Amino acid sequence: MATEDHVEQPAGEQPEQEGVRRRDFLNIAAVSFAGVGGVIAILPLVNQMNPSADVLALSSIEVDLANIEPGQAVKTIWRKQPLFIRNLTADEITEANAVDVSGLRDPQTLAERTADGHENWLITLAVCTHLGCVPLGAGQGENKGEYGGYFCPCHGSHYDTAARIRKGPAPTNLVVPEYEFTSDTTVTIG
């Protein structure tokens, strides 16, 4: 008689099987479902931090400079922020280049703040770097401060003709945004 190694299982228990059991599959499926649900729940929260459609539409603007005379400045809006575009005169360029930048709080030359071949065009954000106020000086007859550039009356920051901080609490110069001249009289900002 042949002996068999047959072991009987108690009632209600099933033999162990190799590989994935039903319980393992259910655990994997439940965790996967919860993970996908978590991502779907977080997606709107992350998406709301993206720029709005109106800001994206204004991410770059094209400005015609033909009507801005030497010595004149205009204010415009870019990305919901005011922007100064100034056509510097030869005297203002000479005055700005004569400043010893080593003595400035934020040392930058005029050449570093303007585009090559277009040194007479100074384009800066019209936002004081102290507390975000809008300085004066980009219009005719406005108080331009002690250095003939821009003046923030809120806290007394004075900027020169190259929009460099010269006096007052502002920590840095007015910000120069990215821009590119597409022709001699047209600039694309942004």
Protein backbone atom coordinates (compact mmCIF):
# COMPACT_ATOMS: atom_id res chain seq x y z
CA MET A 1 0.00 0.00 0.00
CA ALA A 2 1.22 3.40 -0.90
CA THR A 3 1.23 6.16 1.62
CA GLU A 4 -0.02 9.54 0.64
CA ASP A 5 1.05 12.77 2.29
CA HIS A 6 -2.40 14.15 2.32
CA VAL A 7 -3.13 16.47 5.20
CA GLU A 8 -6.67 17.42 5.77
CA GLN A 9 -7.49 21.09 6.48
CA PRO A 10 -9.85 21.97 9.26
CA ALA A 11 -13.29 23.01 8.02
CA GLY A 12 -13.58 26.63 6.76
CA GLU A 13 -9.89 27.18 6.04
CA GLN A 14 -8.44 27.20 2.58
CA PRO A 15 -4.94 26.14 1.76
CA GLU A 16 -2.27 28.83 1.36
CA GLN A 17 -1.61 29.66 -2.28
CA GLU A 18 1.50 31.14 -3.73
CA GLY A 19 1.27 34.60 -5.38
CA VAL A 20 -1.37 37.27 -4.81
CA ARG A 21 -4.25 36.31 -2.60
CA ARG A 22 -7.68 37.89 -2.80
CA ARG A 23 -7.08 39.89 0.38
CA ASP A 24 -3.81 41.32 -1.03
CA PHE A 25 -5.59 42.35 -4.22
CA LEU A 26 -8.31 44.14 -2.24
CA ASN A 27 -5.66 46.00 -0.17
CA ILE A 28 -3.78 47.11 -3.28
CA ALA A 29 -6.99 48.22 -4.99
CA ALA A 30 -8.16 50.19 -1.93
CA VAL A 31 -4.83 51.99 -1.50
CA SER A 32 -4.68 52.81 -5.23
CA PHE A 33 -8.25 54.14 -5.18
CA ALA A 34 -7.46 56.32 -2.13
CA GLY A 35 -4.27 57.63 -3.80
CA VAL A 36 -6.09 58.62 -6.99
CA GLY A 37 -8.83 60.24 -4.91
CA GLY A 38 -6.25 62.21 -2.94
CA VAL A 39 -4.61 63.50 -6.12
CA ILE A 40 -8.00 64.52 -7.53
CA ALA A 41 -8.83 66.34 -4.29
CA ILE A 42 -5.51 68.24 -4.23
CA LEU A 43 -5.49 69.16 -7.95
CA PRO A 44 -7.90 72.15 -7.64
CA LEU A 45 -5.90 73.51 -4.71
CA VAL A 46 -2.68 73.43 -6.70
CA ASN A 47 -4.35 74.69 -9.88
CA GLN A 48 -5.73 77.81 -8.15
CA MET A 49 -2.14 79.00 -7.64
CA ASN A 50 -1.60 79.32 -11.41
CA PRO A 51 -1.86 82.81 -12.91
CA SER A 52 -5.35 83.85 -13.97
CA ALA A 53 -6.28 84.08 -17.64
CA ASP A 54 -6.20 87.89 -17.68
CA VAL A 55 -2.68 87.90 -16.26
CA LEU A 56 -1.51 85.32 -18.81
CA ALA A 57 -3.02 87.43 -21.59
CA LEU A 58 -0.89 90.35 -20.39
CA SER A 59 2.26 88.29 -19.89
CA SER A 60 3.87 90.28 -22.67
CA ILE A 61 2.94 93.61 -24.18
CA GLU A 62 4.20 95.52 -27.17
CA VAL A 63 4.77 99.26 -26.74
CA ASP A 64 5.24 101.80 -29.52
CA LEU A 65 7.94 104.27 -28.46
CA ALA A 66 7.67 106.60 -31.48
CA ASN A 67 5.66 109.28 -29.65
CA ILE A 68 7.84 109.50 -26.53
CA GLU A 69 10.13 112.53 -26.84
CA PRO A 70 13.62 112.72 -25.24
CA GLY A 71 13.21 113.67 -21.58
CA GLN A 72 9.66 112.35 -21.51
CA ALA A 73 8.40 109.32 -19.59
CA VAL A 74 5.12 107.42 -19.74
CA LYS A 75 3.34 105.07 -17.38
CA THR A 76 1.70 101.92 -18.67
CA ILE A 77 0.39 98.67 -17.20
CA TRP A 78 2.04 95.26 -17.52
CA ARG A 79 0.89 92.19 -15.56
CA LYS A 80 -1.38 94.43 -13.48
CA GLN A 81 1.62 96.49 -12.35
CA PRO A 82 2.56 100.03 -13.37
CA LEU A 83 5.56 100.40 -15.64
CA PHE A 84 7.76 103.43 -16.40
CA ILE A 85 9.18 103.87 -19.89
CA ARG A 86 11.57 106.81 -20.06
CA ASN A 87 13.41 108.31 -23.05
CA LEU A 88 16.56 109.70 -21.46
CA THR A 89 18.16 112.87 -22.83
CA ALA A 90 21.87 113.06 -23.60
CA ASP A 91 22.36 115.13 -20.42
CA GLU A 92 20.52 112.54 -18.29
CA ILE A 93 22.66 109.75 -19.77
CA THR A 94 25.85 111.72 -19.05
CA GLU A 95 24.67 112.47 -15.51
CA ALA A 96 23.78 108.81 -14.85
CA ASN A 97 27.12 107.58 -16.23
CA ALA A 98 29.04 110.09 -14.08
CA VAL A 99 27.80 108.51 -10.84
CA ASP A 100 30.34 106.38 -8.97
CA VAL A 101 28.35 103.15 -8.60
CA SER A 102 30.62 101.81 -5.85
CA GLY A 103 28.95 104.26 -3.47
CA LEU A 104 25.41 103.12 -4.32
CA ARG A 105 23.33 100.79 -2.17
CA ASP A 106 22.48 98.66 -5.23
CA PRO A 107 25.42 99.28 -7.59
CA GLN A 108 24.39 99.12 -11.25
CA THR A 109 25.54 101.21 -14.18
CA LEU A 110 23.10 102.71 -16.66
CA ALA A 111 24.43 100.28 -19.28
CA GLU A 112 23.42 97.35 -17.05
CA ARG A 113 19.88 98.74 -16.81
CA THR A 114 19.32 99.44 -20.51
CA ALA A 115 19.59 97.44 -23.74
CA ASP A 116 22.65 97.61 -26.00
CA GLY A 117 22.11 100.15 -28.75
CA HIS A 118 19.13 101.64 -26.89
CA GLU A 119 20.83 103.29 -23.90
CA ASN A 120 18.35 106.15 -24.00
CA TRP A 121 15.39 103.87 -23.15
CA LEU A 122 14.98 103.05 -19.47
CA ILE A 123 12.17 100.58 -18.72
CA THR A 124 11.41 99.81 -15.06
CA LEU A 125 8.55 98.61 -12.91
CA ALA A 126 6.90 101.60 -11.25
CA VAL A 127 6.88 99.90 -7.87
CA CYS A 128 9.02 101.18 -5.01
CA THR A 129 11.16 98.36 -3.66
CA HIS A 130 10.52 99.44 -0.08
CA LEU A 131 6.81 98.72 0.39
CA GLY A 132 5.39 98.55 -3.14
CA CYS A 133 4.19 102.15 -3.53
CA VAL A 134 4.13 103.84 -6.95
CA PRO A 135 6.82 106.55 -7.14
CA LEU A 136 6.29 109.91 -8.81
CA GLY A 137 8.35 111.30 -11.64
CA ALA A 138 7.20 109.73 -14.88
CA GLY A 139 5.05 112.67 -15.92
CA GLN A 140 5.57 116.32 -16.69
CA GLY A 141 5.68 118.59 -13.64
CA GLU A 142 5.78 115.81 -11.04
CA ASN A 143 8.16 115.89 -8.09
CA LYS A 144 11.13 113.82 -9.23
CA GLY A 145 13.05 113.91 -5.97
CA GLU A 146 16.52 115.18 -5.23
CA TYR A 147 18.20 113.30 -8.09
CA GLY A 148 15.87 114.15 -10.98
CA GLY A 149 14.56 110.61 -11.36
CA TYR A 150 11.73 109.22 -9.27
CA PHE A 151 10.45 110.00 -5.79
CA CYS A 152 8.28 107.84 -3.53
CA PRO A 153 6.43 110.27 -1.24
CA CYS A 154 5.13 107.52 1.05
CA HIS A 155 8.45 106.89 2.78
CA GLY A 156 10.88 109.25 1.06
CA SER A 157 12.84 107.05 -1.34
CA HIS A 158 14.71 109.04 -3.99
CA TYR A 159 15.84 107.43 -7.29
CA ASP A 160 18.12 108.99 -9.89
CA THR A 161 17.53 109.23 -13.66
CA ALA A 162 18.64 105.60 -14.05
CA ALA A 163 16.02 104.55 -11.42
CA ARG A 164 18.76 103.64 -8.94
CA ILE A 165 18.06 104.10 -5.22
CA ARG A 166 20.04 107.04 -3.89
CA LYS A 167 18.32 108.03 -0.64
CA GLY A 168 15.59 106.63 1.58
CA PRO A 169 14.52 103.23 2.89
CA ALA A 170 14.19 101.34 -0.42
CA PRO A 171 16.70 98.46 -0.43
CA THR A 172 17.19 98.09 -4.20
CA ASN A 173 16.81 99.92 -7.51
CA LEU A 174 13.53 99.93 -9.40
CA VAL A 175 13.24 96.54 -11.12
CA VAL A 176 14.03 96.29 -14.84
CA PRO A 177 11.75 93.67 -16.43
CA GLU A 178 12.77 91.43 -19.32
CA TYR A 179 12.24 93.22 -22.61
CA GLU A 180 13.39 93.10 -26.21
CA PHE A 181 13.41 95.69 -28.96
CA THR A 182 11.63 94.32 -32.04
CA SER A 183 12.38 97.50 -34.00
CA ASP A 184 13.87 100.93 -33.27
CA THR A 185 10.50 102.20 -32.05
CA THR A 186 8.83 99.03 -30.70
CA VAL A 187 9.64 97.10 -27.56
CA THR A 188 8.15 93.83 -26.32
CA ILE A 189 8.04 93.61 -22.53
CA GLY A 190 7.73 90.23 -20.87
